[in-house]
Amino acid sequence: MKIMFTRKRILTVITLLVTGIMSAQGQPKKAVADKIVAVVGDRIILQSDIKNSIEDAKRQGSTVPDGA
């Protein structure tokens, strides 16, 4: 009975260690969510604002330059 208790404890410790290591490695890497591309007066222009404006223009049927 004492041997089973020891094996169970060792298994629990190993499981906790593996879980801890996996969760530490599973953390997402830092990524840039958005980028400031210009400042006009007291307003900032974000990269996502430009992309959204281009996509809106495409949906409305406007002509968009190549590479935009």
C-alpha atoms as a PDB file:
ATOM      1  CA  MET A   1       0.000   0.000   0.000  1.00  0.00           C
ATOM      2  CA  LYS A   2       2.832   2.345   0.795  1.00  0.00           C
ATOM      3  CA  ILE A   3       4.414   1.650  -2.611  1.00  0.00           C
ATOM      4  CA  MET A   4       1.195   2.602  -4.455  1.00  0.00           C
ATOM      5  CA  PHE A   5       0.980   5.850  -2.504  1.00  0.00           C
ATOM      6  CA  THR A   6       4.531   6.740  -3.497  1.00  0.00           C
ATOM      7  CA  ARG A   7       3.920   5.898  -7.157  1.00  0.00           C
ATOM      8  CA  LYS A   8       0.761   7.976  -7.126  1.00  0.00           C
ATOM      9  CA  ARG A   9       2.600  10.931  -5.614  1.00  0.00           C
ATOM     10  CA  ILE A  10       5.425  10.646  -8.165  1.00  0.00           C
ATOM     11  CA  LEU A  11       2.903  10.438 -10.997  1.00  0.00           C
ATOM     12  CA  THR A  12       1.096  13.511  -9.661  1.00  0.00           C
ATOM     13  CA  VAL A  13       4.337  15.511  -9.438  1.00  0.00           C
ATOM     14  CA  ILE A  14       5.380  14.503 -12.954  1.00  0.00           C
ATOM     15  CA  THR A  15       1.950  15.397 -14.310  1.00  0.00           C
ATOM     16  CA  LEU A  16       2.074  18.818 -12.653  1.00  0.00           C
ATOM     17  CA  LEU A  17       5.572  19.479 -13.997  1.00  0.00           C
ATOM     18  CA  VAL A  18       4.638  18.491 -17.540  1.00  0.00           C
ATOM     19  CA  THR A  19       1.474  20.592 -17.369  1.00  0.00           C
ATOM     20  CA  GLY A  20       3.442  23.578 -16.105  1.00  0.00           C
ATOM     21  CA  ILE A  21       6.056  23.264 -18.825  1.00  0.00           C
ATOM     22  CA  MET A  22       3.442  22.896 -21.547  1.00  0.00           C
ATOM     23  CA  SER A  23       1.448  25.894 -20.367  1.00  0.00           C
ATOM     24  CA  ALA A  24       4.587  28.031 -20.181  1.00  0.00           C
ATOM     25  CA  GLN A  25       5.492  27.109 -23.758  1.00  0.00           C
ATOM     26  CA  GLY A  26       1.914  27.551 -24.896  1.00  0.00           C
ATOM     27  CA  GLN A  27       1.878  31.255 -24.132  1.00  0.00           C
ATOM     28  CA  PRO A  28       1.346  33.270 -27.292  1.00  0.00           C
ATOM     29  CA  LYS A  29       4.301  35.261 -28.527  1.00  0.00           C
ATOM     30  CA  LYS A  30       3.945  39.002 -28.499  1.00  0.00           C
ATOM     31  CA  ALA A  31       2.669  40.343 -31.782  1.00  0.00           C
ATOM     32  CA  VAL A  32       1.954  43.837 -32.978  1.00  0.00           C
ATOM     33  CA  ALA A  33      -1.796  44.284 -32.969  1.00  0.00           C
ATOM     34  CA  ASP A  34      -1.708  47.537 -34.910  1.00  0.00           C
ATOM     35  CA  LYS A  35       0.837  50.096 -36.044  1.00  0.00           C
ATOM     36  CA  ILE A  36       0.790  53.875 -36.193  1.00  0.00           C
ATOM     37  CA  VAL A  37       1.653  54.849 -39.764  1.00  0.00           C
ATOM     38  CA  ALA A  38       1.027  58.608 -39.614  1.00  0.00           C
ATOM     39  CA  VAL A  39       0.115  61.488 -37.351  1.00  0.00           C
ATOM     40  CA  VAL A  40      -2.075  64.219 -38.806  1.00  0.00           C
ATOM     41  CA  GLY A  41      -2.502  67.114 -36.427  1.00  0.00           C
ATOM     42  CA  ASP A  42      -3.681  65.577 -33.173  1.00  0.00           C
ATOM     43  CA  ARG A  43      -4.988  62.396 -34.839  1.00  0.00           C
ATOM     44  CA  ILE A  44      -3.130  59.153 -35.424  1.00  0.00           C
ATOM     45  CA  ILE A  45      -3.616  56.995 -38.495  1.00  0.00           C
ATOM     46  CA  LEU A  46      -3.388  53.262 -37.852  1.00  0.00           C
ATOM     47  CA  GLN A  47      -2.404  50.624 -40.381  1.00  0.00           C
ATOM     48  CA  SER A  48      -5.712  48.856 -39.745  1.00  0.00           C
ATOM     49  CA  ASP A  49      -7.616  52.074 -40.564  1.00  0.00           C
ATOM     50  CA  ILE A  50      -5.967  52.196 -43.988  1.00  0.00           C
ATOM     51  CA  LYS A  51      -6.608  48.497 -44.654  1.00  0.00           C
ATOM     52  CA  ASN A  52     -10.249  48.844 -43.601  1.00  0.00           C
ATOM     53  CA  SER A  53     -10.731  51.888 -45.857  1.00  0.00           C
ATOM     54  CA  ILE A  54      -9.269  50.015 -48.831  1.00  0.00           C
ATOM     55  CA  GLU A  55     -11.502  47.004 -48.187  1.00  0.00           C
ATOM     56  CA  ASP A  56     -14.555  49.281 -47.861  1.00  0.00           C
ATOM     57  CA  ALA A  57     -13.718  50.926 -51.190  1.00  0.00           C
ATOM     58  CA  LYS A  58     -13.352  47.521 -52.865  1.00  0.00           C
ATOM     59  CA  ARG A  59     -16.733  46.381 -51.499  1.00  0.00           C
ATOM     60  CA  GLN A  60     -18.364  49.550 -52.825  1.00  0.00           C
ATOM     61  CA  GLY A  61     -16.913  48.922 -56.280  1.00  0.00           C
ATOM     62  CA  SER A  62     -14.421  51.770 -56.288  1.00  0.00           C
ATOM     63  CA  THR A  63     -11.205  51.509 -58.251  1.00  0.00           C
ATOM     64  CA  VAL A  64      -8.271  50.687 -55.998  1.00  0.00           C
ATOM     65  CA  PRO A  65      -4.668  50.999 -57.204  1.00  0.00           C
ATOM     66  CA  ASP A  66      -2.646  47.801 -57.583  1.00  0.00           C
ATOM     67  CA  GLY A  67      -0.660  46.863 -54.484  1.00  0.00           C
ATOM     68  CA  ALA A  68      -3.116  48.532 -52.136  1.00  0.00           C
END
